[in-house]
């Protein structure tokens, strides 16, 4: 081979090598996300929030002879469903559980449940679930549910000034006296009706609460989002089976439901369930 031929050979070889490296690095042009499989995908996901907890339930639709590794649960701070619901999520979107959740111990294979604990109250999570196969292939996503943890519980309210538990602080989640500086609510009975009222009615220098009626409800979880355009009041008659919104002096909201009322005179008590929203101005429960 002549000197000129050798030079041309090296130029052509170098060009081929460079193009090979570039093509390998770039991959196939226009290639989108890898599609997920639809077989055995979870559906009808519901999420019930609690104090630093989420309770998940979803339906399964998979033949008994299909082998599964379990489920990936995703808790994201922003929604991902529209972009990735039918695609394999990118590596930056990591499941809450790095090891597939095998399912609950309930013998009914038509649904699965999962309790997630130690979460932050007042943080919005976007929750979804995918089925995982033994080769780590994942299905398309379940529906995505936006949810927020918040304190909730139950307390018994004594008649005003008739016991140590005649007031309650939603922020602290505990009983206080009716005229305590942290109190948000007290109750009394008059003319055949039970009333809840603002502590400021007892003493103008302590906290003022405001109340709205939400009417009869099936449970405390009915009406998870509220947008009220009615004026609040400082006292309101209450009935068993009805729910009410309490706007505290801090600007936070608590939704309550009267579960029971019993006793006569100053021995009368109210049993109340509540959900407290830790974000000021937000009426979401």
C-alpha atoms as a PDB file:
ATOM      1  CA  UNK A   1       0.000   0.000   0.000  1.00  0.00           C
ATOM      2  CA  UNK A   2       1.320   3.456  -0.946  1.00  0.00           C
ATOM      3  CA  UNK A   3       1.869   6.190   1.625  1.00  0.00           C
ATOM      4  CA  UNK A   4      -1.158   8.081   0.299  1.00  0.00           C
ATOM      5  CA  UNK A   5      -3.285   4.915   0.523  1.00  0.00           C
ATOM      6  CA  UNK A   6      -2.239   4.342   4.119  1.00  0.00           C
ATOM      7  CA  UNK A   7      -3.225   7.897   5.049  1.00  0.00           C
ATOM      8  CA  UNK A   8      -6.656   7.509   3.411  1.00  0.00           C
ATOM      9  CA  UNK A   9      -7.133   4.165   5.149  1.00  0.00           C
ATOM     10  CA  UNK A  10      -6.399   5.662   8.586  1.00  0.00           C
ATOM     11  CA  UNK A  11      -8.714   8.617   7.921  1.00  0.00           C
ATOM     12  CA  UNK A  12     -11.591   6.361   6.875  1.00  0.00           C
ATOM     13  CA  UNK A  13     -11.023   3.961   9.809  1.00  0.00           C
ATOM     14  CA  UNK A  14     -10.915   6.819  12.274  1.00  0.00           C
ATOM     15  CA  UNK A  15     -14.121   8.296  10.855  1.00  0.00           C
ATOM     16  CA  UNK A  16     -15.913   4.927  11.169  1.00  0.00           C
ATOM     17  CA  UNK A  17     -14.696   4.515  14.790  1.00  0.00           C
ATOM     18  CA  UNK A  18     -15.841   8.012  15.772  1.00  0.00           C
ATOM     19  CA  UNK A  19     -19.306   7.535  14.237  1.00  0.00           C
ATOM     20  CA  UNK A  20     -19.690   4.167  15.966  1.00  0.00           C
ATOM     21  CA  UNK A  21     -18.935   5.721  19.377  1.00  0.00           C
ATOM     22  CA  UNK A  22     -21.290   8.629  18.761  1.00  0.00           C
ATOM     23  CA  UNK A  23     -24.161   6.392  17.679  1.00  0.00           C
ATOM     24  CA  UNK A  24     -23.649   4.081  20.628  1.00  0.00           C
ATOM     25  CA  UNK A  25     -23.678   7.016  23.024  1.00  0.00           C
ATOM     26  CA  UNK A  26     -26.771   8.645  21.571  1.00  0.00           C
ATOM     27  CA  UNK A  27     -28.864   5.513  21.227  1.00  0.00           C
ATOM     28  CA  UNK A  28     -31.791   5.275  18.867  1.00  0.00           C
ATOM     29  CA  UNK A  29     -33.090   8.724  17.979  1.00  0.00           C
ATOM     30  CA  UNK A  30     -36.674   9.410  19.059  1.00  0.00           C
ATOM     31  CA  UNK A  31     -36.892   6.454  21.422  1.00  0.00           C
ATOM     32  CA  UNK A  32     -39.417   7.209  24.228  1.00  0.00           C
ATOM     33  CA  UNK A  33     -39.985   5.671  27.665  1.00  0.00           C
ATOM     34  CA  UNK A  34     -40.228   1.893  27.858  1.00  0.00           C
ATOM     35  CA  UNK A  35     -43.859   0.825  28.003  1.00  0.00           C
ATOM     36  CA  UNK A  36     -45.134  -1.059  31.057  1.00  0.00           C
ATOM     37  CA  UNK A  37     -47.310  -4.169  30.893  1.00  0.00           C
ATOM     38  CA  UNK A  38     -51.029  -3.954  31.582  1.00  0.00           C
ATOM     39  CA  UNK A  39     -51.559  -7.545  32.811  1.00  0.00           C
ATOM     40  CA  UNK A  40     -52.258  -7.757  36.574  1.00  0.00           C
ATOM     41  CA  UNK A  41     -52.161  -3.986  37.062  1.00  0.00           C
ATOM     42  CA  UNK A  42     -53.748  -2.761  40.338  1.00  0.00           C
ATOM     43  CA  UNK A  43     -56.844  -0.575  40.132  1.00  0.00           C
ATOM     44  CA  UNK A  44     -59.418   1.290  42.245  1.00  0.00           C
ATOM     45  CA  UNK A  45     -56.785   2.536  44.694  1.00  0.00           C
ATOM     46  CA  UNK A  46     -58.237   4.313  47.734  1.00  0.00           C
ATOM     47  CA  UNK A  47     -56.190   6.041  50.442  1.00  0.00           C
ATOM     48  CA  UNK A  48     -57.423   6.973  53.910  1.00  0.00           C
ATOM     49  CA  UNK A  49     -55.235   9.419  55.793  1.00  0.00           C
ATOM     50  CA  UNK A  50     -54.746   9.595  59.546  1.00  0.00           C
ATOM     51  CA  UNK A  51     -52.282  11.109  61.992  1.00  0.00           C
ATOM     52  CA  UNK A  52     -48.922  10.521  60.210  1.00  0.00           C
ATOM     53  CA  UNK A  53     -50.429   7.442  58.538  1.00  0.00           C
ATOM     54  CA  UNK A  54     -51.902   6.350  55.220  1.00  0.00           C
ATOM     55  CA  UNK A  55     -54.098   3.278  54.782  1.00  0.00           C
ATOM     56  CA  UNK A  56     -54.072   1.997  51.194  1.00  0.00           C
ATOM     57  CA  UNK A  57     -56.478  -0.431  49.555  1.00  0.00           C
ATOM     58  CA  UNK A  58     -56.496  -1.516  45.919  1.00  0.00           C
ATOM     59  CA  UNK A  59     -58.181  -4.168  43.783  1.00  0.00           C
ATOM     60  CA  UNK A  60     -56.142  -6.890  42.113  1.00  0.00           C
ATOM     61  CA  UNK A  61     -57.012  -8.407  38.758  1.00  0.00           C
ATOM     62  CA  UNK A  62     -54.667 -11.299  38.181  1.00  0.00           C
ATOM     63  CA  UNK A  63     -55.084 -15.005  37.438  1.00  0.00           C
ATOM     64  CA  UNK A  64     -54.149 -17.362  40.269  1.00  0.00           C
ATOM     65  CA  UNK A  65     -51.474 -19.076  38.167  1.00  0.00           C
ATOM     66  CA  UNK A  66     -49.510 -15.855  37.549  1.00  0.00           C
ATOM     67  CA  UNK A  67     -46.432 -15.529  39.767  1.00  0.00           C
ATOM     68  CA  UNK A  68     -45.888 -12.090  41.288  1.00  0.00           C
ATOM     69  CA  UNK A  69     -43.089 -10.623  43.405  1.00  0.00           C
ATOM     70  CA  UNK A  70     -45.435  -8.092  44.995  1.00  0.00           C
ATOM     71  CA  UNK A  71     -46.174  -4.392  44.629  1.00  0.00           C
ATOM     72  CA  UNK A  72     -44.293  -1.114  44.453  1.00  0.00           C
ATOM     73  CA  UNK A  73     -45.988   1.793  46.225  1.00  0.00           C
ATOM     74  CA  UNK A  74     -45.068   5.299  45.099  1.00  0.00           C
ATOM     75  CA  UNK A  75     -45.336   8.368  47.357  1.00  0.00           C
ATOM     76  CA  UNK A  76     -44.411  11.434  45.348  1.00  0.00           C
ATOM     77  CA  UNK A  77     -44.467  15.135  46.227  1.00  0.00           C
ATOM     78  CA  UNK A  78     -45.803  15.979  42.752  1.00  0.00           C
ATOM     79  CA  UNK A  79     -48.155  14.125  40.367  1.00  0.00           C
ATOM     80  CA  UNK A  80     -46.647  11.618  37.923  1.00  0.00           C
ATOM     81  CA  UNK A  81     -49.696   9.807  36.526  1.00  0.00           C
ATOM     82  CA  UNK A  82     -50.270  11.866  33.384  1.00  0.00           C
ATOM     83  CA  UNK A  83     -46.678  11.456  32.227  1.00  0.00           C
ATOM     84  CA  UNK A  84     -45.795   7.926  33.318  1.00  0.00           C
ATOM     85  CA  UNK A  85     -48.967   5.934  34.034  1.00  0.00           C
ATOM     86  CA  UNK A  86     -48.460   3.556  31.085  1.00  0.00           C
ATOM     87  CA  UNK A  87     -44.662   3.661  31.026  1.00  0.00           C
ATOM     88  CA  UNK A  88     -41.883   2.299  33.212  1.00  0.00           C
ATOM     89  CA  UNK A  89     -41.033   5.178  35.576  1.00  0.00           C
ATOM     90  CA  UNK A  90     -37.528   6.637  35.271  1.00  0.00           C
ATOM     91  CA  UNK A  91     -34.924   5.847  37.906  1.00  0.00           C
ATOM     92  CA  UNK A  92     -35.441   9.203  39.618  1.00  0.00           C
ATOM     93  CA  UNK A  93     -38.961   8.084  40.577  1.00  0.00           C
ATOM     94  CA  UNK A  94     -38.236   5.519  43.271  1.00  0.00           C
ATOM     95  CA  UNK A  95     -40.837   3.376  45.054  1.00  0.00           C
ATOM     96  CA  UNK A  96     -41.470   4.006  48.740  1.00  0.00           C
ATOM     97  CA  UNK A  97     -40.646   0.341  49.359  1.00  0.00           C
ATOM     98  CA  UNK A  98     -37.433  -0.759  47.573  1.00  0.00           C
ATOM     99  CA  UNK A  99     -38.389  -4.394  48.205  1.00  0.00           C
ATOM    100  CA  UNK A 100     -41.741  -5.383  46.643  1.00  0.00           C
ATOM    101  CA  UNK A 101     -44.570  -5.492  49.194  1.00  0.00           C
ATOM    102  CA  UNK A 102     -45.865  -9.125  49.154  1.00  0.00           C
ATOM    103  CA  UNK A 103     -49.443  -8.187  50.062  1.00  0.00           C
ATOM    104  CA  UNK A 104     -51.455  -8.412  53.270  1.00  0.00           C
ATOM    105  CA  UNK A 105     -52.366 -11.559  55.208  1.00  0.00           C
ATOM    106  CA  UNK A 106     -56.058 -11.417  54.302  1.00  0.00           C
ATOM    107  CA  UNK A 107     -57.011 -14.586  52.382  1.00  0.00           C
ATOM    108  CA  UNK A 108     -59.142 -12.590  49.941  1.00  0.00           C
ATOM    109  CA  UNK A 109     -57.024 -12.212  46.814  1.00  0.00           C
ATOM    110  CA  UNK A 110     -59.362  -9.707  45.183  1.00  0.00           C
ATOM    111  CA  UNK A 111     -57.758  -6.773  47.003  1.00  0.00           C
ATOM    112  CA  UNK A 112     -54.679  -5.802  49.001  1.00  0.00           C
ATOM    113  CA  UNK A 113     -54.166  -3.338  51.845  1.00  0.00           C
ATOM    114  CA  UNK A 114     -51.126  -1.592  53.282  1.00  0.00           C
ATOM    115  CA  UNK A 115     -50.513   0.741  56.231  1.00  0.00           C
ATOM    116  CA  UNK A 116     -47.743   3.331  55.881  1.00  0.00           C
ATOM    117  CA  UNK A 117     -46.653   5.068  59.087  1.00  0.00           C
ATOM    118  CA  UNK A 118     -44.323   7.836  60.293  1.00  0.00           C
ATOM    119  CA  UNK A 119     -45.232  10.292  57.546  1.00  0.00           C
ATOM    120  CA  UNK A 120     -45.295  14.079  57.851  1.00  0.00           C
ATOM    121  CA  UNK A 121     -48.603  15.766  58.629  1.00  0.00           C
ATOM    122  CA  UNK A 122     -49.538  18.650  56.349  1.00  0.00           C
ATOM    123  CA  UNK A 123     -47.590  17.289  53.353  1.00  0.00           C
ATOM    124  CA  UNK A 124     -49.449  16.356  50.181  1.00  0.00           C
ATOM    125  CA  UNK A 125     -48.537  12.937  48.799  1.00  0.00           C
ATOM    126  CA  UNK A 126     -49.437  11.550  45.376  1.00  0.00           C
ATOM    127  CA  UNK A 127     -49.922   7.818  45.875  1.00  0.00           C
ATOM    128  CA  UNK A 128     -49.961   5.064  43.243  1.00  0.00           C
ATOM    129  CA  UNK A 129     -49.247   1.329  43.049  1.00  0.00           C
ATOM    130  CA  UNK A 130     -47.699  -0.999  40.447  1.00  0.00           C
ATOM    131  CA  UNK A 131     -47.482  -4.789  40.373  1.00  0.00           C
ATOM    132  CA  UNK A 132     -43.970  -6.272  40.217  1.00  0.00           C
ATOM    133  CA  UNK A 133     -43.086  -9.563  38.485  1.00  0.00           C
ATOM    134  CA  UNK A 134     -40.130 -11.846  39.393  1.00  0.00           C
ATOM    135  CA  UNK A 135     -37.994 -10.357  36.578  1.00  0.00           C
ATOM    136  CA  UNK A 136     -38.644  -6.869  38.078  1.00  0.00           C
ATOM    137  CA  UNK A 137     -40.963  -5.940  35.222  1.00  0.00           C
ATOM    138  CA  UNK A 138     -43.658  -3.558  36.452  1.00  0.00           C
ATOM    139  CA  UNK A 139     -47.216  -2.988  35.321  1.00  0.00           C
ATOM    140  CA  UNK A 140     -48.882   0.240  34.364  1.00  0.00           C
ATOM    141  CA  UNK A 141     -49.808   2.430  37.308  1.00  0.00           C
ATOM    142  CA  UNK A 142     -52.970   2.291  39.333  1.00  0.00           C
ATOM    143  CA  UNK A 143     -54.956   5.493  39.615  1.00  0.00           C
ATOM    144  CA  UNK A 144     -53.092   8.215  41.506  1.00  0.00           C
ATOM    145  CA  UNK A 145     -54.556   9.602  44.756  1.00  0.00           C
ATOM    146  CA  UNK A 146     -53.605  12.970  46.251  1.00  0.00           C
ATOM    147  CA  UNK A 147     -53.783  12.811  50.040  1.00  0.00           C
ATOM    148  CA  UNK A 148     -52.520  14.598  53.154  1.00  0.00           C
ATOM    149  CA  UNK A 149     -51.909  13.226  56.647  1.00  0.00           C
ATOM    150  CA  UNK A 150     -53.427  15.156  59.568  1.00  0.00           C
ATOM    151  CA  UNK A 151     -54.189  14.503  63.249  1.00  0.00           C
ATOM    152  CA  UNK A 152     -57.499  12.911  64.096  1.00  0.00           C
ATOM    153  CA  UNK A 153     -59.053  11.231  67.103  1.00  0.00           C
ATOM    154  CA  UNK A 154     -61.907  11.194  69.569  1.00  0.00           C
ATOM    155  CA  UNK A 155     -62.550  12.881  72.896  1.00  0.00           C
ATOM    156  CA  UNK A 156     -65.336  13.193  75.467  1.00  0.00           C
ATOM    157  CA  UNK A 157     -66.324  16.712  76.479  1.00  0.00           C
ATOM    158  CA  UNK A 158     -67.638  17.347  79.979  1.00  0.00           C
ATOM    159  CA  UNK A 159     -70.360  19.875  80.690  1.00  0.00           C
ATOM    160  CA  UNK A 160     -68.943  23.393  81.139  1.00  0.00           C
ATOM    161  CA  UNK A 161     -67.174  23.743  84.534  1.00  0.00           C
ATOM    162  CA  UNK A 162     -68.460  20.303  85.599  1.00  0.00           C
ATOM    163  CA  UNK A 163     -65.205  18.385  85.187  1.00  0.00           C
ATOM    164  CA  UNK A 164     -61.529  18.551  84.282  1.00  0.00           C
ATOM    165  CA  UNK A 165     -62.269  17.629  80.642  1.00  0.00           C
ATOM    166  CA  UNK A 166     -64.653  20.472  79.790  1.00  0.00           C
ATOM    167  CA  UNK A 167     -62.419  21.886  77.037  1.00  0.00           C
ATOM    168  CA  UNK A 168     -60.201  20.608  74.217  1.00  0.00           C
ATOM    169  CA  UNK A 169     -57.180  21.985  72.345  1.00  0.00           C
ATOM    170  CA  UNK A 170     -57.071  20.726  68.748  1.00  0.00           C
ATOM    171  CA  UNK A 171     -53.524  21.998  68.223  1.00  0.00           C
ATOM    172  CA  UNK A 172     -52.252  20.046  71.246  1.00  0.00           C
ATOM    173  CA  UNK A 173     -54.644  17.121  70.811  1.00  0.00           C
ATOM    174  CA  UNK A 174     -55.609  17.030  74.489  1.00  0.00           C
ATOM    175  CA  UNK A 175     -58.170  18.091  77.058  1.00  0.00           C
ATOM    176  CA  UNK A 176     -57.846  21.452  78.791  1.00  0.00           C
ATOM    177  CA  UNK A 177     -60.150  23.387  81.081  1.00  0.00           C
ATOM    178  CA  UNK A 178     -62.953  25.404  79.458  1.00  0.00           C
ATOM    179  CA  UNK A 179     -61.327  28.711  80.443  1.00  0.00           C
ATOM    180  CA  UNK A 180     -57.752  27.637  79.599  1.00  0.00           C
ATOM    181  CA  UNK A 181     -55.788  29.883  77.227  1.00  0.00           C
ATOM    182  CA  UNK A 182     -55.344  26.950  74.773  1.00  0.00           C
ATOM    183  CA  UNK A 183     -58.990  25.888  74.716  1.00  0.00           C
ATOM    184  CA  UNK A 184     -60.921  25.798  71.411  1.00  0.00           C
ATOM    185  CA  UNK A 185     -64.361  24.495  72.437  1.00  0.00           C
ATOM    186  CA  UNK A 186     -66.743  23.912  75.337  1.00  0.00           C
ATOM    187  CA  UNK A 187     -70.367  22.810  75.588  1.00  0.00           C
ATOM    188  CA  UNK A 188     -73.470  23.390  77.681  1.00  0.00           C
ATOM    189  CA  UNK A 189     -77.132  22.318  77.644  1.00  0.00           C
ATOM    190  CA  UNK A 190     -79.997  24.801  77.560  1.00  0.00           C
ATOM    191  CA  UNK A 191     -83.743  24.601  76.787  1.00  0.00           C
ATOM    192  CA  UNK A 192     -83.450  20.992  75.658  1.00  0.00           C
ATOM    193  CA  UNK A 193     -80.510  21.573  73.289  1.00  0.00           C
ATOM    194  CA  UNK A 194     -76.767  20.915  73.456  1.00  0.00           C
ATOM    195  CA  UNK A 195     -74.577  23.830  72.364  1.00  0.00           C
ATOM    196  CA  UNK A 196     -70.874  24.074  71.528  1.00  0.00           C
ATOM    197  CA  UNK A 197     -69.372  27.519  71.919  1.00  0.00           C
ATOM    198  CA  UNK A 198     -66.283  29.700  71.709  1.00  0.00           C
ATOM    199  CA  UNK A 199     -64.200  30.014  74.916  1.00  0.00           C
ATOM    200  CA  UNK A 200     -64.249  33.783  74.393  1.00  0.00           C
ATOM    201  CA  UNK A 201     -67.891  33.742  75.545  1.00  0.00           C
ATOM    202  CA  UNK A 202     -66.618  32.754  78.990  1.00  0.00           C
ATOM    203  CA  UNK A 203     -63.876  35.360  79.076  1.00  0.00           C
ATOM    204  CA  UNK A 204     -63.259  38.007  76.424  1.00  0.00           C
ATOM    205  CA  UNK A 205     -59.497  37.736  76.899  1.00  0.00           C
ATOM    206  CA  UNK A 206     -59.180  34.087  75.819  1.00  0.00           C
ATOM    207  CA  UNK A 207     -59.374  32.375  72.437  1.00  0.00           C
ATOM    208  CA  UNK A 208     -62.210  32.921  70.002  1.00  0.00           C
ATOM    209  CA  UNK A 209     -63.470  30.013  67.909  1.00  0.00           C
ATOM    210  CA  UNK A 210     -66.056  30.099  65.139  1.00  0.00           C
ATOM    211  CA  UNK A 211     -68.436  27.341  64.058  1.00  0.00           C
ATOM    212  CA  UNK A 212     -70.178  26.195  60.874  1.00  0.00           C
ATOM    213  CA  UNK A 213     -72.830  23.499  60.546  1.00  0.00           C
ATOM    214  CA  UNK A 214     -72.199  20.757  57.945  1.00  0.00           C
ATOM    215  CA  UNK A 215     -75.456  18.915  58.604  1.00  0.00           C
ATOM    216  CA  UNK A 216     -76.062  15.201  59.028  1.00  0.00           C
ATOM    217  CA  UNK A 217     -73.187  12.980  57.914  1.00  0.00           C
ATOM    218  CA  UNK A 218     -72.472   9.258  57.542  1.00  0.00           C
ATOM    219  CA  UNK A 219     -69.099   9.591  59.243  1.00  0.00           C
ATOM    220  CA  UNK A 220     -66.335  12.080  60.021  1.00  0.00           C
ATOM    221  CA  UNK A 221     -64.761  11.526  56.577  1.00  0.00           C
ATOM    222  CA  UNK A 222     -67.718  12.816  54.581  1.00  0.00           C
ATOM    223  CA  UNK A 223     -67.024  16.185  52.918  1.00  0.00           C
ATOM    224  CA  UNK A 224     -63.203  15.922  52.688  1.00  0.00           C
ATOM    225  CA  UNK A 225     -62.937  19.296  50.923  1.00  0.00           C
ATOM    226  CA  UNK A 226     -64.902  22.316  52.084  1.00  0.00           C
ATOM    227  CA  UNK A 227     -65.521  25.740  50.581  1.00  0.00           C
ATOM    228  CA  UNK A 228     -67.982  27.537  52.810  1.00  0.00           C
ATOM    229  CA  UNK A 229     -69.676  30.807  51.904  1.00  0.00           C
ATOM    230  CA  UNK A 230     -71.886  31.090  54.987  1.00  0.00           C
ATOM    231  CA  UNK A 231     -71.066  33.245  58.017  1.00  0.00           C
ATOM    232  CA  UNK A 232     -69.748  31.429  61.123  1.00  0.00           C
ATOM    233  CA  UNK A 233     -71.179  31.778  64.630  1.00  0.00           C
ATOM    234  CA  UNK A 234     -69.669  31.765  68.131  1.00  0.00           C
ATOM    235  CA  UNK A 235     -72.088  29.146  69.439  1.00  0.00           C
ATOM    236  CA  UNK A 236     -74.210  26.567  67.684  1.00  0.00           C
ATOM    237  CA  UNK A 237     -76.747  23.872  68.686  1.00  0.00           C
ATOM    238  CA  UNK A 238     -75.499  20.376  67.944  1.00  0.00           C
ATOM    239  CA  UNK A 239     -77.109  16.985  67.383  1.00  0.00           C
ATOM    240  CA  UNK A 240     -75.798  13.411  67.354  1.00  0.00           C
ATOM    241  CA  UNK A 241     -74.877  12.307  63.820  1.00  0.00           C
ATOM    242  CA  UNK A 242     -74.157  15.826  62.578  1.00  0.00           C
ATOM    243  CA  UNK A 243     -70.799  17.373  61.662  1.00  0.00           C
ATOM    244  CA  UNK A 244     -69.429  20.869  62.231  1.00  0.00           C
ATOM    245  CA  UNK A 245     -66.410  22.908  61.233  1.00  0.00           C
ATOM    246  CA  UNK A 246     -64.437  24.707  63.944  1.00  0.00           C
ATOM    247  CA  UNK A 247     -62.241  27.644  62.940  1.00  0.00           C
ATOM    248  CA  UNK A 248     -59.695  28.155  65.707  1.00  0.00           C
ATOM    249  CA  UNK A 249     -58.081  31.400  66.853  1.00  0.00           C
ATOM    250  CA  UNK A 250     -54.865  30.295  65.096  1.00  0.00           C
ATOM    251  CA  UNK A 251     -56.597  30.207  61.702  1.00  0.00           C
ATOM    252  CA  UNK A 252     -56.611  26.406  61.546  1.00  0.00           C
ATOM    253  CA  UNK A 253     -59.696  24.290  60.995  1.00  0.00           C
ATOM    254  CA  UNK A 254     -61.037  21.204  62.741  1.00  0.00           C
ATOM    255  CA  UNK A 255     -63.926  19.102  61.475  1.00  0.00           C
ATOM    256  CA  UNK A 256     -65.903  17.426  64.261  1.00  0.00           C
ATOM    257  CA  UNK A 257     -68.790  14.967  64.412  1.00  0.00           C
ATOM    258  CA  UNK A 258     -71.038  14.431  67.435  1.00  0.00           C
ATOM    259  CA  UNK A 259     -71.011  10.669  67.966  1.00  0.00           C
ATOM    260  CA  UNK A 260     -73.011  10.506  71.203  1.00  0.00           C
ATOM    261  CA  UNK A 261     -74.621  12.653  73.899  1.00  0.00           C
ATOM    262  CA  UNK A 262     -75.580  11.199  77.277  1.00  0.00           C
ATOM    263  CA  UNK A 263     -76.227  12.048  80.916  1.00  0.00           C
ATOM    264  CA  UNK A 264     -78.450  14.602  82.616  1.00  0.00           C
ATOM    265  CA  UNK A 265     -77.721  18.033  84.043  1.00  0.00           C
ATOM    266  CA  UNK A 266     -74.071  18.711  84.753  1.00  0.00           C
ATOM    267  CA  UNK A 267     -73.315  15.027  84.270  1.00  0.00           C
ATOM    268  CA  UNK A 268     -74.076  15.351  80.553  1.00  0.00           C
ATOM    269  CA  UNK A 269     -71.241  14.635  78.118  1.00  0.00           C
ATOM    270  CA  UNK A 270     -70.582  14.734  74.375  1.00  0.00           C
ATOM    271  CA  UNK A 271     -68.486  12.136  72.555  1.00  0.00           C
ATOM    272  CA  UNK A 272     -66.812  13.832  69.598  1.00  0.00           C
ATOM    273  CA  UNK A 273     -64.641  12.646  66.699  1.00  0.00           C
ATOM    274  CA  UNK A 274     -62.353  15.190  65.077  1.00  0.00           C
ATOM    275  CA  UNK A 275     -59.920  15.819  62.217  1.00  0.00           C
ATOM    276  CA  UNK A 276     -57.503  18.736  62.601  1.00  0.00           C
ATOM    277  CA  UNK A 277     -55.894  20.496  59.641  1.00  0.00           C
ATOM    278  CA  UNK A 278     -52.382  21.696  60.526  1.00  0.00           C
ATOM    279  CA  UNK A 279     -52.143  24.097  57.563  1.00  0.00           C
ATOM    280  CA  UNK A 280     -53.702  27.476  58.294  1.00  0.00           C
ATOM    281  CA  UNK A 281     -56.585  28.485  56.068  1.00  0.00           C
ATOM    282  CA  UNK A 282     -56.928  25.039  54.438  1.00  0.00           C
ATOM    283  CA  UNK A 283     -60.311  23.300  54.802  1.00  0.00           C
ATOM    284  CA  UNK A 284     -59.206  19.890  53.576  1.00  0.00           C
ATOM    285  CA  UNK A 285     -59.725  16.754  55.610  1.00  0.00           C
END
